[in-house]
Protein backbone atom coordinates (compact mmCIF):
# COMPACT_ATOMS: atom_id res chain seq x y z
CA UNK A 1 157.51 276.88 161.10
CA UNK A 2 158.20 280.70 161.62
CA UNK A 3 160.63 283.16 163.12
CA UNK A 4 160.89 286.74 163.96
CA UNK A 5 162.98 289.03 162.02
CA UNK A 6 163.53 292.77 161.81
CA UNK A 7 162.25 294.48 158.60
CA UNK A 8 164.63 296.03 156.28
CA UNK A 9 163.26 298.64 153.65
CA UNK A 10 164.88 298.45 150.20
CA UNK A 11 163.82 300.87 147.79
CA UNK A 12 165.50 298.68 145.07
CA UNK A 13 163.37 295.66 145.57
CA UNK A 14 160.67 294.62 143.37
CA UNK A 15 157.01 294.56 144.67
CA UNK A 16 155.90 291.68 146.90
CA UNK A 17 159.55 290.27 147.00
CA UNK A 18 161.30 289.63 150.35
CA UNK A 19 164.91 288.85 150.71
CA UNK A 20 166.27 286.75 153.77
CA UNK A 21 169.68 285.64 155.05
CA UNK A 22 170.63 282.15 153.78
CA UNK A 23 170.46 280.94 157.48
CA UNK A 24 166.99 282.06 157.70
CA UNK A 25 165.99 280.44 154.67
CA UNK A 26 167.32 277.16 155.72
CA UNK A 27 165.73 277.60 159.14
CA UNK A 28 162.19 278.23 157.49
CA UNK A 29 162.79 275.44 154.80
CA UNK A 30 162.67 277.91 152.09
CA UNK A 31 163.94 277.64 148.24
CA UNK A 32 164.37 280.48 146.08
CA UNK A 33 161.12 281.60 145.00
CA UNK A 34 159.28 280.21 147.89
CA UNK A 35 156.16 282.03 149.34
CA UNK A 36 156.43 283.50 152.80
CA UNK A 37 153.89 285.50 154.93
CA UNK A 38 154.84 288.33 156.88
CA UNK A 39 152.60 288.97 159.99
CA UNK A 40 152.73 292.60 161.93
CA UNK A 41 150.33 292.55 164.66
CA UNK A 42 147.73 290.84 162.49
CA UNK A 43 148.34 292.70 159.35
CA UNK A 44 149.67 290.13 156.74
CA UNK A 45 151.44 290.26 153.53
CA UNK A 46 152.50 287.27 151.24
CA UNK A 47 155.61 287.68 149.33
CA UNK A 48 158.23 285.79 147.23
CA UNK A 49 161.31 284.82 149.23
CA UNK A 50 164.81 285.10 147.75
CA UNK A 51 168.35 285.14 149.26
CA UNK A 52 169.64 288.63 150.48
CA UNK A 53 172.78 290.02 149.30
CA UNK A 54 176.09 288.78 150.76
CA UNK A 55 177.22 290.50 154.04
CA UNK A 56 173.51 291.38 155.00
CA UNK A 57 172.21 291.14 158.60
CA UNK A 58 170.88 287.56 159.73
CA UNK A 59 167.86 288.84 161.45
CA UNK A 60 166.68 290.99 158.77
CA UNK A 61 163.92 290.50 156.13
CA UNK A 62 164.25 293.09 153.27
CA UNK A 63 161.03 294.26 151.69
CA UNK A 64 160.13 297.05 148.98
CA UNK A 65 158.98 300.42 150.21
CA UNK A 66 155.37 299.95 148.90
CA UNK A 67 155.02 296.56 150.80
CA UNK A 68 156.18 298.08 153.96
CA UNK A 69 153.61 301.09 153.38
CA UNK A 70 150.72 298.56 153.00
CA UNK A 71 152.04 296.49 155.84
CA UNK A 72 152.29 299.49 158.06
CA UNK A 73 156.10 298.61 159.10
CA UNK A 74 159.05 300.72 159.39
CA UNK A 75 162.63 299.99 159.31
CA UNK A 76 163.47 297.89 162.32
CA UNK A 77 160.07 296.89 163.22
CA UNK A 78 159.79 293.07 164.06
CA UNK A 79 157.42 290.78 162.00
CA UNK A 80 156.70 286.99 162.12
CA UNK A 81 157.86 285.42 158.93
CA UNK A 82 156.27 281.88 157.97
CA UNK A 83 156.58 279.62 154.95
CA UNK A 84 153.48 279.44 152.84
CA UNK A 85 152.13 276.75 150.63
CA UNK A 86 150.12 278.32 147.81
CA UNK A 87 148.02 276.91 145.29
CA UNK A 88 147.30 278.59 141.67
CA UNK A 89 144.37 280.55 141.87
CA UNK A 90 141.51 280.29 139.16
CA UNK A 91 139.93 283.62 140.16
CA UNK A 92 140.95 286.49 142.60
CA UNK A 93 138.78 289.49 143.28
CA UNK A 94 139.99 292.68 144.87
CA UNK A 95 138.03 295.47 146.24
CA UNK A 96 138.98 299.09 146.62
CA UNK A 97 139.28 300.06 150.30
CA UNK A 98 138.66 303.77 149.28
CA UNK A 99 136.77 305.18 146.31
CA UNK A 100 139.42 307.95 145.60
CA UNK A 101 141.80 307.92 143.81
CA UNK A 102 140.39 305.33 141.28
CA UNK A 103 141.87 301.81 141.66
CA UNK A 104 144.19 300.48 138.83
CA UNK A 105 142.54 298.45 136.39
CA UNK A 106 142.17 294.55 136.47
CA UNK A 107 144.76 294.24 133.78
CA UNK A 108 147.44 296.32 135.23
CA UNK A 109 146.91 294.47 138.78
CA UNK A 110 147.13 291.16 136.76
CA UNK A 111 150.36 292.08 135.27
CA UNK A 112 151.56 293.32 138.45
CA UNK A 113 150.83 290.33 140.60
CA UNK A 114 151.73 287.71 137.93
CA UNK A 115 153.71 284.99 139.62
CA UNK A 116 153.30 286.38 143.05
CA UNK A 117 151.58 285.06 146.10
CA UNK A 118 148.28 286.39 147.47
CA UNK A 119 146.13 285.73 150.52
CA UNK A 120 142.44 286.42 151.45
CA UNK A 121 142.38 289.82 153.34
CA UNK A 122 145.59 290.97 152.21
CA UNK A 123 145.90 294.82 151.29
CA UNK A 124 147.69 295.36 147.87
CA UNK A 125 148.12 298.06 145.50
CA UNK A 126 150.17 299.50 142.52
CA UNK A 127 153.22 301.49 143.46
CA UNK A 128 152.21 303.64 140.54
CA UNK A 129 149.16 304.76 142.30
CA UNK A 130 150.37 304.41 146.02
CA UNK A 131 147.38 305.98 147.60
CA UNK A 132 144.94 303.40 145.84
CA UNK A 133 144.55 300.45 148.16
CA UNK A 134 142.72 297.24 147.44
CA UNK A 135 141.84 294.27 149.48
CA UNK A 136 141.70 290.55 148.41
CA UNK A 137 137.86 289.70 149.08
CA UNK A 138 137.58 286.59 147.19
CA UNK A 139 139.98 283.55 146.08
CA UNK A 140 138.99 280.39 143.98
CA UNK A 141 139.87 277.85 144.98
CA UNK A 142 139.51 278.81 148.64
CA UNK A 143 142.88 278.72 150.23
CA UNK A 144 144.83 280.73 152.85
CA UNK A 145 147.47 281.49 150.14
CA UNK A 146 147.40 281.36 146.44
CA UNK A 147 149.43 282.04 143.50
CA UNK A 148 148.59 284.49 140.52
CA UNK A 149 149.23 282.16 137.51
CA UNK A 150 149.04 282.42 133.57
CA UNK A 151 145.51 281.08 134.07
CA UNK A 152 144.22 283.27 136.88
CA UNK A 153 141.59 285.77 136.16
CA UNK A 154 142.12 289.06 138.17
CA UNK A 155 139.05 291.04 138.99
CA UNK A 156 138.89 294.53 140.51
CA UNK A 157 135.26 294.98 141.88
CA UNK A 158 133.48 298.18 141.33
CA UNK A 159 132.04 298.01 144.73
CA UNK A 160 134.14 298.86 147.74
CA UNK A 161 135.29 297.28 150.94
CA UNK A 162 132.23 297.98 153.51
CA UNK A 163 132.84 300.48 156.35
CA UNK A 164 129.48 299.69 157.87
CA UNK A 165 126.69 297.16 157.34
CA UNK A 166 123.03 297.27 159.06
CA UNK A 167 121.58 294.08 158.94
CA UNK A 168 119.09 291.73 160.81
CA UNK A 169 121.80 289.12 161.51
CA UNK A 170 125.30 289.08 161.11
CA UNK A 171 126.26 288.74 157.33
CA UNK A 172 128.90 286.36 156.19
CA UNK A 173 132.45 287.67 156.05
CA UNK A 174 133.65 287.99 152.51
CA UNK A 175 130.29 288.58 151.05
CA UNK A 176 129.00 291.02 148.93
CA UNK A 177 126.02 293.04 150.84
CA UNK A 178 123.53 295.02 148.93
CA UNK A 179 121.03 297.25 150.61
CA UNK A 180 117.56 295.73 150.65
CA UNK A 181 118.74 292.21 149.55
CA UNK A 182 118.87 289.01 151.62
CA UNK A 183 122.29 287.78 152.40
CA UNK A 184 122.26 284.24 153.92
CA UNK A 185 119.54 284.23 156.73
CA UNK A 186 120.16 288.13 156.89
CA UNK A 187 118.30 291.14 155.46
CA UNK A 188 120.68 293.91 154.60
CA UNK A 189 119.06 297.16 155.80
CA UNK A 190 122.01 299.55 155.02
CA UNK A 191 125.42 299.51 153.56
CA UNK A 192 128.20 302.33 153.92
CA UNK A 193 129.21 303.16 151.21
CA UNK A 194 126.46 301.84 149.32
CA UNK A 195 124.40 300.45 147.59
CA UNK A 196 126.56 297.39 147.79
CA UNK A 197 130.13 296.66 149.47
CA UNK A 198 132.22 293.73 150.62
CA UNK A 199 131.99 292.57 154.27
CA UNK A 200 135.15 292.25 155.64
CA UNK A 201 136.55 291.27 159.30
CA UNK A 202 137.15 295.16 159.83
CA UNK A 203 133.61 296.18 158.77
CA UNK A 204 131.50 297.56 161.44
CA UNK A 205 128.16 295.65 161.63
CA UNK A 206 125.11 296.76 163.36
CA UNK A 207 122.47 294.06 163.97
CA UNK A 208 118.89 295.02 164.17
CA UNK A 209 116.58 292.23 165.18
CA UNK A 210 112.85 292.02 164.30
CA UNK A 211 111.69 293.09 167.39
CA UNK A 212 113.75 295.87 167.47
CA UNK A 213 112.80 296.83 163.83
CA UNK A 214 109.10 296.55 164.79
CA UNK A 215 109.66 298.89 167.64
CA UNK A 216 111.46 301.33 165.14
CA UNK A 217 108.49 301.11 162.82
CA UNK A 218 106.03 301.82 165.63
CA UNK A 219 107.93 304.86 166.92
CA UNK A 220 108.43 306.13 163.36
CA UNK A 221 104.58 306.29 162.90
CA UNK A 222 105.20 305.08 159.32
CA UNK A 223 102.39 302.38 159.66
CA UNK A 224 99.77 304.98 161.13
CA UNK A 225 100.77 307.44 158.13
CA UNK A 226 100.23 304.69 155.65
CA UNK A 227 96.80 303.56 157.17
CA UNK A 228 95.53 307.28 157.14
CA UNK A 229 96.81 307.93 153.62
CA UNK A 230 95.08 304.76 152.20
CA UNK A 231 91.68 305.39 154.14
CA UNK A 232 91.84 309.10 152.71
CA UNK A 233 92.67 307.86 149.19
CA UNK A 234 95.87 309.66 149.16
CA UNK A 235 99.13 308.62 147.50
CA UNK A 236 101.75 306.52 149.04
CA UNK A 237 105.33 307.50 148.62
CA UNK A 238 108.30 305.52 147.99
CA UNK A 239 109.41 305.59 151.85
CA UNK A 240 105.73 304.13 152.53
CA UNK A 241 106.19 301.40 150.00
CA UNK A 242 109.66 300.53 151.54
CA UNK A 243 108.16 300.46 154.97
CA UNK A 244 105.25 298.34 154.01
CA UNK A 245 107.57 295.77 152.27
CA UNK A 246 109.93 295.68 155.50
CA UNK A 247 106.79 295.29 157.67
CA UNK A 248 105.57 292.38 155.51
CA UNK A 249 108.96 290.67 155.40
CA UNK A 250 109.12 290.98 159.47
CA UNK A 251 105.63 289.61 160.04
CA UNK A 252 106.12 286.84 157.60
CA UNK A 253 109.30 285.87 159.19
CA UNK A 254 107.59 286.05 162.62
CA UNK A 255 104.78 283.59 161.46
CA UNK A 256 107.13 281.25 159.76
């Protein structure tokens, strides 16, 4: 069950806490401390729901400033609010969206998120470092919404969210792509930023099939250059070896 409510931004609220009118709480089947999901045009945040102050507007959901900033909403914007059914997570992995400023530590994020709901793909961050944003890239066990409990291990990955991945096939979403390594049935040819980054739904993926790669190798003249170097007794550079490995992999895949 869900309902549309207007956002109210309350600077005094705790991070990841939402306050709703008692009528809205009853309509959504919520009790104090239940988990809710706010959806704003596909951007979603999970929060703890509490009853709003007496006299508050019926059609409002009140959130803290940092949540509003991460969700991209302003006072008066309309969001869809729905009840969530979280399970306690064993492990949660967060990946920085940007490399500067440095993200908060796993210990500080664990303290900040203790007792709070999280969902895969949600953007989170510490109000103390407002420009540092992290995305939830993995939850165990897999569930749409989880809770950070006393036994939950919160990790902050040293690898960021990928802006772009170049591969021979589409890599699995929510996987860690590393340049030059196989990922499922795909060979990762490039990662930005590299050398490894997390693939999310917003990652731009360029697929180069085997035929296209062979054509690129042919146009580059790298194979001819390697043959001439070998015939003349010259030394092969690193780019030659990488080209040969890629060619061997392509030809091996074509023959399999």
